[in-house]
Amino acid sequence: MKLKKGDRVRVRSGKDRGKTAEIMRVIPSENKVIVDGVNVAKRHQRATRATMQGGIIDKDMPIHASAVAIVCPTDGPTRIGYRFEDTASGRLKVRICKKCGGDL
């Protein structure tokens, strides 16, 4: 999976199409990501301890990785490519924008 936690992405499909937000968590085994403020569901939460309050809470649910596109600072939504750079410590794999070739 080419997406990472903290990436700025735009939603390409679904009820939240067009929203831009940050990835909070990546689930590579299911090929899904949890994006802040996208695909929010209401969940009934039971109070588990004296300090934990129950009630209806908003929970961010996973969305498929193909439904989001990383946002390049210059070009907007794009795909991710890779470039290998030789350094003193060895080869380094760098993520690049497919549109402009700049680093992400």
PDB file of N, CA and C in Angstrom:
ATOM      1  N   MET A   1       0.845  -1.177   0.000  1.00  0.00           N
ATOM      2  CA  MET A   1       0.000   0.000   0.000  1.00  0.00           C
ATOM      3  C   MET A   1       0.892   1.242   0.000  1.00  0.00           C
ATOM      4  N   LYS A   2       0.586   2.195  -0.863  1.00  0.00           N
ATOM      5  CA  LYS A   2       1.434   3.362  -1.044  1.00  0.00           C
ATOM      6  C   LYS A   2       1.064   4.524  -0.128  1.00  0.00           C
ATOM      7  N   LEU A   3      -0.094   4.461   0.514  1.00  0.00           N
ATOM      8  CA  LEU A   3      -0.527   5.520   1.408  1.00  0.00           C
ATOM      9  C   LEU A   3       0.038   5.306   2.802  1.00  0.00           C
ATOM     10  N   LYS A   4       0.300   6.414   3.504  1.00  0.00           N
ATOM     11  CA  LYS A   4       0.848   6.343   4.851  1.00  0.00           C
ATOM     12  C   LYS A   4       0.053   7.248   5.791  1.00  0.00           C
ATOM     13  N   LYS A   5       0.192   6.997   7.082  1.00  0.00           N
ATOM     14  CA  LYS A   5      -0.451   7.825   8.094  1.00  0.00           C
ATOM     15  C   LYS A   5       0.091   9.249   7.982  1.00  0.00           C
ATOM     16  N   GLY A   6      -0.811  10.226   8.032  1.00  0.00           N
ATOM     17  CA  GLY A   6      -0.409  11.626   7.938  1.00  0.00           C
ATOM     18  C   GLY A   6      -0.479  12.205   6.538  1.00  0.00           C
ATOM     19  N   ASP A   7      -0.722  11.366   5.515  1.00  0.00           N
ATOM     20  CA  ASP A   7      -0.841  11.865   4.143  1.00  0.00           C
ATOM     21  C   ASP A   7      -2.116  12.682   3.983  1.00  0.00           C
ATOM     22  N   ARG A   8      -2.039  13.741   3.184  1.00  0.00           N
ATOM     23  CA  ARG A   8      -3.204  14.557   2.853  1.00  0.00           C
ATOM     24  C   ARG A   8      -3.850  13.931   1.617  1.00  0.00           C
ATOM     25  N   VAL A   9      -5.130  13.547   1.712  1.00  0.00           N
ATOM     26  CA  VAL A   9      -5.803  12.876   0.605  1.00  0.00           C
ATOM     27  C   VAL A   9      -7.135  13.550   0.290  1.00  0.00           C
ATOM     28  N   ARG A  10      -7.620  13.304  -0.931  1.00  0.00           N
ATOM     29  CA  ARG A  10      -8.951  13.770  -1.342  1.00  0.00           C
ATOM     30  C   ARG A  10      -9.787  12.542  -1.658  1.00  0.00           C
ATOM     31  N   VAL A  11     -11.035  12.540  -1.190  1.00  0.00           N
ATOM     32  CA  VAL A  11     -11.949  11.417  -1.405  1.00  0.00           C
ATOM     33  C   VAL A  11     -12.483  11.497  -2.828  1.00  0.00           C
ATOM     34  N   ARG A  12     -12.389  10.370  -3.556  1.00  0.00           N
ATOM     35  CA  ARG A  12     -12.778  10.332  -4.969  1.00  0.00           C
ATOM     36  C   ARG A  12     -14.170   9.780  -5.196  1.00  0.00           C
ATOM     37  N   SER A  13     -14.709   9.011  -4.238  1.00  0.00           N
ATOM     38  CA  SER A  13     -16.033   8.426  -4.438  1.00  0.00           C
ATOM     39  C   SER A  13     -16.735   8.270  -3.101  1.00  0.00           C
ATOM     40  N   GLY A  14     -18.055   8.102  -3.176  1.00  0.00           N
ATOM     41  CA  GLY A  14     -18.846   7.906  -1.970  1.00  0.00           C
ATOM     42  C   GLY A  14     -19.561   9.164  -1.538  1.00  0.00           C
ATOM     43  N   LYS A  15     -20.176   9.105  -0.372  1.00  0.00           N
ATOM     44  CA  LYS A  15     -20.994  10.223   0.107  1.00  0.00           C
ATOM     45  C   LYS A  15     -20.156  11.444   0.475  1.00  0.00           C
ATOM     46  N   ASP A  16     -18.862  11.259   0.734  1.00  0.00           N
ATOM     47  CA  ASP A  16     -17.980  12.365   1.107  1.00  0.00           C
ATOM     48  C   ASP A  16     -17.067  12.785  -0.035  1.00  0.00           C
ATOM     49  N   ARG A  17     -17.478  12.552  -1.274  1.00  0.00           N
ATOM     50  CA  ARG A  17     -16.669  12.872  -2.450  1.00  0.00           C
ATOM     51  C   ARG A  17     -16.265  14.345  -2.450  1.00  0.00           C
ATOM     52  N   GLY A  18     -14.979  14.610  -2.697  1.00  0.00           N
ATOM     53  CA  GLY A  18     -14.486  15.981  -2.770  1.00  0.00           C
ATOM     54  C   GLY A  18     -13.850  16.493  -1.499  1.00  0.00           C
ATOM     55  N   LYS A  19     -14.048  15.823  -0.373  1.00  0.00           N
ATOM     56  CA  LYS A  19     -13.458  16.274   0.888  1.00  0.00           C
ATOM     57  C   LYS A  19     -11.960  16.000   0.895  1.00  0.00           C
ATOM     58  N   THR A  20     -11.208  16.919   1.488  1.00  0.00           N
ATOM     59  CA  THR A  20      -9.776  16.758   1.651  1.00  0.00           C
ATOM     60  C   THR A  20      -9.470  16.675   3.135  1.00  0.00           C
ATOM     61  N   ALA A  21      -8.728  15.633   3.540  1.00  0.00           N
ATOM     62  CA  ALA A  21      -8.414  15.433   4.950  1.00  0.00           C
ATOM     63  C   ALA A  21      -7.142  14.612   5.078  1.00  0.00           C
ATOM     64  N   GLU A  22      -6.780  14.328   6.325  1.00  0.00           N
ATOM     65  CA  GLU A  22      -5.544  13.615   6.630  1.00  0.00           C
ATOM     66  C   GLU A  22      -5.843  12.183   7.046  1.00  0.00           C
ATOM     67  N   ILE A  23      -4.969  11.257   6.657  1.00  0.00           N
ATOM     68  CA  ILE A  23      -5.128   9.849   7.037  1.00  0.00           C
ATOM     69  C   ILE A  23      -4.725   9.693   8.497  1.00  0.00           C
ATOM     70  N   MET A  24      -5.626   9.106   9.298  1.00  0.00           N
ATOM     71  CA  MET A  24      -5.347   8.882  10.712  1.00  0.00           C
ATOM     72  C   MET A  24      -4.763   7.495  10.958  1.00  0.00           C
ATOM     73  N   ARG A  25      -5.183   6.508  10.161  1.00  0.00           N
ATOM     74  CA  ARG A  25      -4.743   5.132  10.364  1.00  0.00           C
ATOM     75  C   ARG A  25      -4.812   4.383   9.037  1.00  0.00           C
ATOM     76  N   VAL A  26      -3.881   3.456   8.827  1.00  0.00           N
ATOM     77  CA  VAL A  26      -3.845   2.640   7.619  1.00  0.00           C
ATOM     78  C   VAL A  26      -4.025   1.185   8.027  1.00  0.00           C
ATOM     79  N   ILE A  27      -4.899   0.450   7.307  1.00  0.00           N
ATOM     80  CA  ILE A  27      -5.141  -0.972   7.571  1.00  0.00           C
ATOM     81  C   ILE A  27      -4.729  -1.732   6.305  1.00  0.00           C
ATOM     82  N   PRO A  28      -3.425  -2.106   6.184  1.00  0.00           N
ATOM     83  CA  PRO A  28      -2.958  -2.724   4.949  1.00  0.00           C
ATOM     84  C   PRO A  28      -3.537  -4.106   4.676  1.00  0.00           C
ATOM     85  N   SER A  29      -3.892  -4.856   5.724  1.00  0.00           N
ATOM     86  CA  SER A  29      -4.431  -6.207   5.512  1.00  0.00           C
ATOM     87  C   SER A  29      -5.775  -6.168   4.791  1.00  0.00           C
ATOM     88  N   GLU A  30      -6.551  -5.114   4.993  1.00  0.00           N
ATOM     89  CA  GLU A  30      -7.857  -4.957   4.344  1.00  0.00           C
ATOM     90  C   GLU A  30      -7.819  -3.953   3.198  1.00  0.00           C
ATOM     91  N   ASN A  31      -6.647  -3.327   2.953  1.00  0.00           N
ATOM     92  CA  ASN A  31      -6.486  -2.299   1.928  1.00  0.00           C
ATOM     93  C   ASN A  31      -7.432  -1.127   2.172  1.00  0.00           C
ATOM     94  N   LYS A  32      -7.518  -0.700   3.432  1.00  0.00           N
ATOM     95  CA  LYS A  32      -8.403   0.402   3.817  1.00  0.00           C
ATOM     96  C   LYS A  32      -7.646   1.443   4.624  1.00  0.00           C
ATOM     97  N   VAL A  33      -8.203   2.654   4.656  1.00  0.00           N
ATOM     98  CA  VAL A  33      -7.636   3.744   5.440  1.00  0.00           C
ATOM     99  C   VAL A  33      -8.759   4.408   6.233  1.00  0.00           C
ATOM    100  N   ILE A  34      -8.396   5.012   7.361  1.00  0.00           N
ATOM    101  CA  ILE A  34      -9.346   5.800   8.142  1.00  0.00           C
ATOM    102  C   ILE A  34      -8.930   7.252   7.989  1.00  0.00           C
ATOM    103  N   VAL A  35      -9.833   8.054   7.424  1.00  0.00           N
ATOM    104  CA  VAL A  35      -9.560   9.455   7.128  1.00  0.00           C
ATOM    105  C   VAL A  35     -10.359  10.313   8.105  1.00  0.00           C
ATOM    106  N   ASP A  36      -9.722  11.356   8.622  1.00  0.00           N
ATOM    107  CA  ASP A  36     -10.323  12.224   9.629  1.00  0.00           C
ATOM    108  C   ASP A  36     -11.552  12.956   9.075  1.00  0.00           C
ATOM    109  N   GLY A  37     -12.718  12.717   9.661  1.00  0.00           N
ATOM    110  CA  GLY A  37     -13.943  13.408   9.270  1.00  0.00           C
ATOM    111  C   GLY A  37     -14.644  12.855   8.051  1.00  0.00           C
ATOM    112  N   VAL A  38     -14.196  11.709   7.546  1.00  0.00           N
ATOM    113  CA  VAL A  38     -14.800  11.093   6.363  1.00  0.00           C
ATOM    114  C   VAL A  38     -15.400   9.753   6.750  1.00  0.00           C
ATOM    115  N   ASN A  39     -16.580   9.429   6.193  1.00  0.00           N
ATOM    116  CA  ASN A  39     -17.284   8.182   6.474  1.00  0.00           C
ATOM    117  C   ASN A  39     -17.565   8.044   7.969  1.00  0.00           C
ATOM    118  N   VAL A  40     -18.212   9.058   8.523  1.00  0.00           N
ATOM    119  CA  VAL A  40     -18.504   9.103   9.961  1.00  0.00           C
ATOM    120  C   VAL A  40     -19.827   8.398  10.217  1.00  0.00           C
ATOM    121  N   ALA A  41     -19.825   7.511  11.224  1.00  0.00           N
ATOM    122  CA  ALA A  41     -21.030   6.772  11.602  1.00  0.00           C
ATOM    123  C   ALA A  41     -21.368   7.069  13.054  1.00  0.00           C
ATOM    124  N   LYS A  42     -22.638   7.013  13.387  1.00  0.00           N
ATOM    125  CA  LYS A  42     -23.089   7.179  14.770  1.00  0.00           C
ATOM    126  C   LYS A  42     -23.042   5.818  15.444  1.00  0.00           C
ATOM    127  N   ARG A  43     -22.393   5.735  16.594  1.00  0.00           N
ATOM    128  CA  ARG A  43     -22.293   4.480  17.336  1.00  0.00           C
ATOM    129  C   ARG A  43     -22.813   4.684  18.750  1.00  0.00           C
ATOM    130  N   HIS A  44     -23.563   3.696  19.233  1.00  0.00           N
ATOM    131  CA  HIS A  44     -24.066   3.727  20.606  1.00  0.00           C
ATOM    132  C   HIS A  44     -22.999   3.113  21.495  1.00  0.00           C
ATOM    133  N   GLN A  45     -22.470   3.910  22.428  1.00  0.00           N
ATOM    134  CA  GLN A  45     -21.368   3.482  23.283  1.00  0.00           C
ATOM    135  C   GLN A  45     -21.874   3.294  24.712  1.00  0.00           C
ATOM    136  N   ARG A  46     -21.610   2.125  25.268  1.00  0.00           N
ATOM    137  CA  ARG A  46     -21.961   1.847  26.660  1.00  0.00           C
ATOM    138  C   ARG A  46     -20.873   2.426  27.558  1.00  0.00           C
ATOM    139  N   ALA A  47     -21.275   2.938  28.724  1.00  0.00           N
ATOM    140  CA  ALA A  47     -20.312   3.438  29.696  1.00  0.00           C
ATOM    141  C   ALA A  47     -19.587   2.243  30.311  1.00  0.00           C
ATOM    142  N   THR A  48     -18.267   2.167  30.137  1.00  0.00           N
ATOM    143  CA  THR A  48     -17.510   1.004  30.605  1.00  0.00           C
ATOM    144  C   THR A  48     -16.977   1.187  32.022  1.00  0.00           C
ATOM    145  N   ARG A  49     -16.566   2.394  32.375  1.00  0.00           N
ATOM    146  CA  ARG A  49     -16.073   2.680  33.726  1.00  0.00           C
ATOM    147  C   ARG A  49     -16.794   3.899  34.264  1.00  0.00           C
ATOM    148  N   ALA A  50     -16.456   4.259  35.475  1.00  0.00           N
ATOM    149  CA  ALA A  50     -17.085   5.440  36.076  1.00  0.00           C
ATOM    150  C   ALA A  50     -16.652   6.716  35.353  1.00  0.00           C
ATOM    151  N   THR A  51     -15.419   6.729  34.819  1.00  0.00           N
ATOM    152  CA  THR A  51     -14.932   7.923  34.127  1.00  0.00           C
ATOM    153  C   THR A  51     -15.376   7.964  32.661  1.00  0.00           C
ATOM    154  N   MET A  52     -15.652   6.812  32.071  1.00  0.00           N
ATOM    155  CA  MET A  52     -16.049   6.747  30.654  1.00  0.00           C
ATOM    156  C   MET A  52     -17.537   7.047  30.534  1.00  0.00           C
ATOM    157  N   GLN A  53     -17.863   7.999  29.681  1.00  0.00           N
ATOM    158  CA  GLN A  53     -19.261   8.376  29.507  1.00  0.00           C
ATOM    159  C   GLN A  53     -19.849   7.651  28.306  1.00  0.00           C
ATOM    160  N   GLY A  54     -21.050   7.153  28.470  1.00  0.00           N
ATOM    161  CA  GLY A  54     -21.736   6.479  27.383  1.00  0.00           C
ATOM    162  C   GLY A  54     -22.544   7.454  26.556  1.00  0.00           C
ATOM    163  N   GLY A  55     -23.232   6.937  25.537  1.00  0.00           N
ATOM    164  CA  GLY A  55     -24.064   7.776  24.692  1.00  0.00           C
ATOM    165  C   GLY A  55     -23.791   7.503  23.222  1.00  0.00           C
ATOM    166  N   ILE A  56     -24.266   8.404  22.379  1.00  0.00           N
ATOM    167  CA  ILE A  56     -24.075   8.265  20.942  1.00  0.00           C
ATOM    168  C   ILE A  56     -22.837   9.064  20.554  1.00  0.00           C
ATOM    169  N   ILE A  57     -21.860   8.379  19.951  1.00  0.00           N
ATOM    170  CA  ILE A  57     -20.622   9.038  19.555  1.00  0.00           C
ATOM    171  C   ILE A  57     -20.445   8.943  18.039  1.00  0.00           C
ATOM    172  N   ASP A  58     -19.665   9.865  17.484  1.00  0.00           N
ATOM    173  CA  ASP A  58     -19.313   9.824  16.063  1.00  0.00           C
ATOM    174  C   ASP A  58     -18.025   9.033  15.927  1.00  0.00           C
ATOM    175  N   LYS A  59     -18.018   8.060  15.015  1.00  0.00           N
ATOM    176  CA  LYS A  59     -16.850   7.218  14.821  1.00  0.00           C
ATOM    177  C   LYS A  59     -16.457   7.239  13.353  1.00  0.00           C
ATOM    178  N   ASP A  60     -15.169   7.475  13.080  1.00  0.00           N
ATOM    179  CA  ASP A  60     -14.665   7.449  11.712  1.00  0.00           C
ATOM    180  C   ASP A  60     -14.485   5.997  11.291  1.00  0.00           C
ATOM    181  N   MET A  61     -15.142   5.600  10.212  1.00  0.00           N
ATOM    182  CA  MET A  61     -15.099   4.229   9.722  1.00  0.00           C
ATOM    183  C   MET A  61     -14.121   4.125   8.550  1.00  0.00           C
ATOM    184  N   PRO A  62     -13.588   2.915   8.291  1.00  0.00           N
ATOM    185  CA  PRO A  62     -12.620   2.766   7.202  1.00  0.00           C
ATOM    186  C   PRO A  62     -13.248   2.993   5.825  1.00  0.00           C
ATOM    187  N   ILE A  63     -12.407   3.445   4.901  1.00  0.00           N
ATOM    188  CA  ILE A  63     -12.797   3.645   3.510  1.00  0.00           C
ATOM    189  C   ILE A  63     -11.725   2.952   2.655  1.00  0.00           C
ATOM    190  N   HIS A  64     -12.110   2.409   1.519  1.00  0.00           N
ATOM    191  CA  HIS A  64     -11.164   1.674   0.683  1.00  0.00           C
ATOM    192  C   HIS A  64     -10.085   2.612   0.146  1.00  0.00           C
ATOM    193  N   ALA A  65      -8.877   2.094   0.056  1.00  0.00           N
ATOM    194  CA  ALA A  65      -7.734   2.914  -0.369  1.00  0.00           C
ATOM    195  C   ALA A  65      -7.885   3.416  -1.801  1.00  0.00           C
ATOM    196  N   SER A  66      -8.611   2.694  -2.647  1.00  0.00           N
ATOM    197  CA  SER A  66      -8.794   3.137  -4.026  1.00  0.00           C
ATOM    198  C   SER A  66      -9.768   4.306  -4.129  1.00  0.00           C
ATOM    199  N   ALA A  67     -10.494   4.607  -3.055  1.00  0.00           N
ATOM    200  CA  ALA A  67     -11.460   5.701  -3.069  1.00  0.00           C
ATOM    201  C   ALA A  67     -10.831   7.029  -2.667  1.00  0.00           C
ATOM    202  N   VAL A  68      -9.524   7.040  -2.380  1.00  0.00           N
ATOM    203  CA  VAL A  68      -8.843   8.279  -2.032  1.00  0.00           C
ATOM    204  C   VAL A  68      -7.629   8.474  -2.934  1.00  0.00           C
ATOM    205  N   ALA A  69      -7.250   9.731  -3.154  1.00  0.00           N
ATOM    206  CA  ALA A  69      -6.071  10.073  -3.948  1.00  0.00           C
ATOM    207  C   ALA A  69      -5.222  11.049  -3.153  1.00  0.00           C
ATOM    208  N   ILE A  70      -3.916  10.820  -3.119  1.00  0.00           N
ATOM    209  CA  ILE A  70      -3.019  11.712  -2.389  1.00  0.00           C
ATOM    210  C   ILE A  70      -2.996  13.068  -3.080  1.00  0.00           C
ATOM    211  N   VAL A  71      -2.850  14.144  -2.285  1.00  0.00           N
ATOM    212  CA  VAL A  71      -2.872  15.496  -2.827  1.00  0.00           C
ATOM    213  C   VAL A  71      -1.448  16.029  -2.896  1.00  0.00           C
ATOM    214  N   CYS A  72      -1.000  16.346  -4.106  1.00  0.00           N
ATOM    215  CA  CYS A  72       0.311  16.969  -4.335  1.00  0.00           C
ATOM    216  C   CYS A  72       0.160  18.469  -4.069  1.00  0.00           C
ATOM    217  N   PRO A  73       1.125  19.105  -3.406  1.00  0.00           N
ATOM    218  CA  PRO A  73       0.992  20.542  -3.115  1.00  0.00           C
ATOM    219  C   PRO A  73       0.880  21.412  -4.364  1.00  0.00           C
ATOM    220  N   THR A  74       1.448  20.971  -5.500  1.00  0.00           N
ATOM    221  CA  THR A  74       1.405  21.789  -6.717  1.00  0.00           C
ATOM    222  C   THR A  74       0.311  21.378  -7.688  1.00  0.00           C
ATOM    223  N   ASP A  75       0.025  20.055  -7.798  1.00  0.00           N
ATOM    224  CA  ASP A  75      -0.881  19.564  -8.841  1.00  0.00           C
ATOM    225  C   ASP A  75      -2.251  19.133  -8.359  1.00  0.00           C
ATOM    226  N   GLY A  76      -2.459  18.980  -7.059  1.00  0.00           N
ATOM    227  CA  GLY A  76      -3.729  18.481  -6.552  1.00  0.00           C
ATOM    228  C   GLY A  76      -3.727  16.969  -6.476  1.00  0.00           C
ATOM    229  N   PRO A  77      -4.883  16.318  -6.617  1.00  0.00           N
ATOM    230  CA  PRO A  77      -4.949  14.853  -6.488  1.00  0.00           C
ATOM    231  C   PRO A  77      -4.134  14.158  -7.570  1.00  0.00           C
ATOM    232  N   THR A  78      -3.358  13.167  -7.175  1.00  0.00           N
ATOM    233  CA  THR A  78      -2.486  12.478  -8.107  1.00  0.00           C
ATOM    234  C   THR A  78      -2.238  11.056  -7.635  1.00  0.00           C
ATOM    235  N   ARG A  79      -1.463  10.317  -8.437  1.00  0.00           N
ATOM    236  CA  ARG A  79      -1.042   8.976  -8.056  1.00  0.00           C
ATOM    237  C   ARG A  79       0.384   9.038  -7.525  1.00  0.00           C
ATOM    238  N   ILE A  80       0.812   7.935  -6.904  1.00  0.00           N
ATOM    239  CA  ILE A  80       2.130   7.887  -6.294  1.00  0.00           C
ATOM    240  C   ILE A  80       3.037   6.984  -7.105  1.00  0.00           C
ATOM    241  N   GLY A  81       4.252   7.461  -7.367  1.00  0.00           N
ATOM    242  CA  GLY A  81       5.284   6.653  -7.998  1.00  0.00           C
ATOM    243  C   GLY A  81       6.496   6.599  -7.085  1.00  0.00           C
ATOM    244  N   TYR A  82       7.520   5.878  -7.501  1.00  0.00           N
ATOM    245  CA  TYR A  82       8.729   5.747  -6.695  1.00  0.00           C
ATOM    246  C   TYR A  82       9.965   6.075  -7.515  1.00  0.00           C
ATOM    247  N   ARG A  83      10.985   6.590  -6.814  1.00  0.00           N
ATOM    248  CA  ARG A  83      12.283   6.838  -7.407  1.00  0.00           C
ATOM    249  C   ARG A  83      13.329   6.353  -6.402  1.00  0.00           C
ATOM    250  N   PHE A  84      14.395   5.761  -6.910  1.00  0.00           N
ATOM    251  CA  PHE A  84      15.466   5.277  -6.040  1.00  0.00           C
ATOM    252  C   PHE A  84      16.635   6.241  -6.118  1.00  0.00           C
ATOM    253  N   GLU A  85      17.133   6.650  -4.935  1.00  0.00           N
ATOM    254  CA  GLU A  85      18.276   7.545  -4.863  1.00  0.00           C
ATOM    255  C   GLU A  85      19.424   6.827  -4.169  1.00  0.00           C
ATOM    256  N   ASP A  86      20.610   6.947  -4.739  1.00  0.00           N
ATOM    257  CA  ASP A  86      21.793   6.367  -4.116  1.00  0.00           C
ATOM    258  C   ASP A  86      22.385   7.373  -3.141  1.00  0.00           C
ATOM    259  N   THR A  87      22.529   6.952  -1.888  1.00  0.00           N
ATOM    260  CA  THR A  87      23.129   7.802  -0.861  1.00  0.00           C
ATOM    261  C   THR A  87      24.311   7.068  -0.255  1.00  0.00           C
ATOM    262  N   ALA A  88      24.990   7.715   0.675  1.00  0.00           N
ATOM    263  CA  ALA A  88      26.148   7.105   1.329  1.00  0.00           C
ATOM    264  C   ALA A  88      25.748   5.879   2.141  1.00  0.00           C
ATOM    265  N   SER A  89      24.529   5.890   2.688  1.00  0.00           N
ATOM    266  CA  SER A  89      24.070   4.768   3.512  1.00  0.00           C
ATOM    267  C   SER A  89      23.396   3.668   2.698  1.00  0.00           C
ATOM    268  N   GLY A  90      23.214   3.883   1.404  1.00  0.00           N
ATOM    269  CA  GLY A  90      22.595   2.868   0.551  1.00  0.00           C
ATOM    270  C   GLY A  90      21.541   3.467  -0.358  1.00  0.00           C
ATOM    271  N   ARG A  91      20.712   2.606  -0.935  1.00  0.00           N
ATOM    272  CA  ARG A  91      19.641   3.083  -1.821  1.00  0.00           C
ATOM    273  C   ARG A  91      18.450   3.525  -0.997  1.00  0.00           C
ATOM    274  N   LEU A  92      17.855   4.643  -1.406  1.00  0.00           N
ATOM    275  CA  LEU A  92      16.722   5.221  -0.698  1.00  0.00           C
ATOM    276  C   LEU A  92      15.528   5.259  -1.643  1.00  0.00           C
ATOM    277  N   LYS A  93      14.381   4.763  -1.187  1.00  0.00           N
ATOM    278  CA  LYS A  93      13.165   4.751  -1.988  1.00  0.00           C
ATOM    279  C   LYS A  93      12.342   5.994  -1.633  1.00  0.00           C
ATOM    280  N   VAL A  94      12.068   6.838  -2.621  1.00  0.00           N
ATOM    281  CA  VAL A  94      11.379   8.108  -2.400  1.00  0.00           C
ATOM    282  C   VAL A  94      10.063   8.096  -3.154  1.00  0.00           C
ATOM    283  N   ARG A  95       8.979   8.528  -2.492  1.00  0.00           N
ATOM    284  CA  ARG A  95       7.681   8.637  -3.159  1.00  0.00           C
ATOM    285  C   ARG A  95       7.624   9.926  -3.967  1.00  0.00           C
ATOM    286  N   ILE A  96       7.121   9.841  -5.207  1.00  0.00           N
ATOM    287  CA  ILE A  96       7.037  11.016  -6.074  1.00  0.00           C
ATOM    288  C   ILE A  96       5.629  11.158  -6.639  1.00  0.00           C
ATOM    289  N   CYS A  97       5.310  12.377  -7.087  1.00  0.00           N
ATOM    290  CA  CYS A  97       4.044  12.682  -7.751  1.00  0.00           C
ATOM    291  C   CYS A  97       4.141  12.212  -9.194  1.00  0.00           C
ATOM    292  N   LYS A  98       3.113  11.520  -9.696  1.00  0.00           N
ATOM    293  CA  LYS A  98       3.107  11.028 -11.075  1.00  0.00           C
ATOM    294  C   LYS A  98       2.897  12.164 -12.073  1.00  0.00           C
ATOM    295  N   LYS A  99       2.295  13.294 -11.649  1.00  0.00           N
ATOM    296  CA  LYS A  99       2.038  14.392 -12.573  1.00  0.00           C
ATOM    297  C   LYS A  99       3.265  15.246 -12.791  1.00  0.00           C
ATOM    298  N   CYS A 100       3.898  15.705 -11.688  1.00  0.00           N
ATOM    299  CA  CYS A 100       5.000  16.645 -11.822  1.00  0.00           C
ATOM    300  C   CYS A 100       6.364  16.044 -11.519  1.00  0.00           C
ATOM    301  N   GLY A 101       6.401  14.890 -10.886  1.00  0.00           N
ATOM    302  CA  GLY A 101       7.685  14.250 -10.562  1.00  0.00           C
ATOM    303  C   GLY A 101       8.315  14.752  -9.281  1.00  0.00           C
ATOM    304  N   GLY A 102       7.635  15.646  -8.570  1.00  0.00           N
ATOM    305  CA  GLY A 102       8.170  16.172  -7.310  1.00  0.00           C
ATOM    306  C   GLY A 102       8.000  15.197  -6.162  1.00  0.00           C
ATOM    307  N   ASP A 103       8.783  15.399  -5.116  1.00  0.00           N
ATOM    308  CA  ASP A 103       8.707  14.532  -3.940  1.00  0.00           C
ATOM    309  C   ASP A 103       7.413  14.787  -3.173  1.00  0.00           C
ATOM    310  N   LEU A 104       6.891  13.711  -2.585  1.00  0.00           N
ATOM    311  CA  LEU A 104       5.688  13.812  -1.746  1.00  0.00           C
ATOM    312  C   LEU A 104       6.062  13.683  -0.285  1.00  0.00           C
TER     313      LEU A 104
END
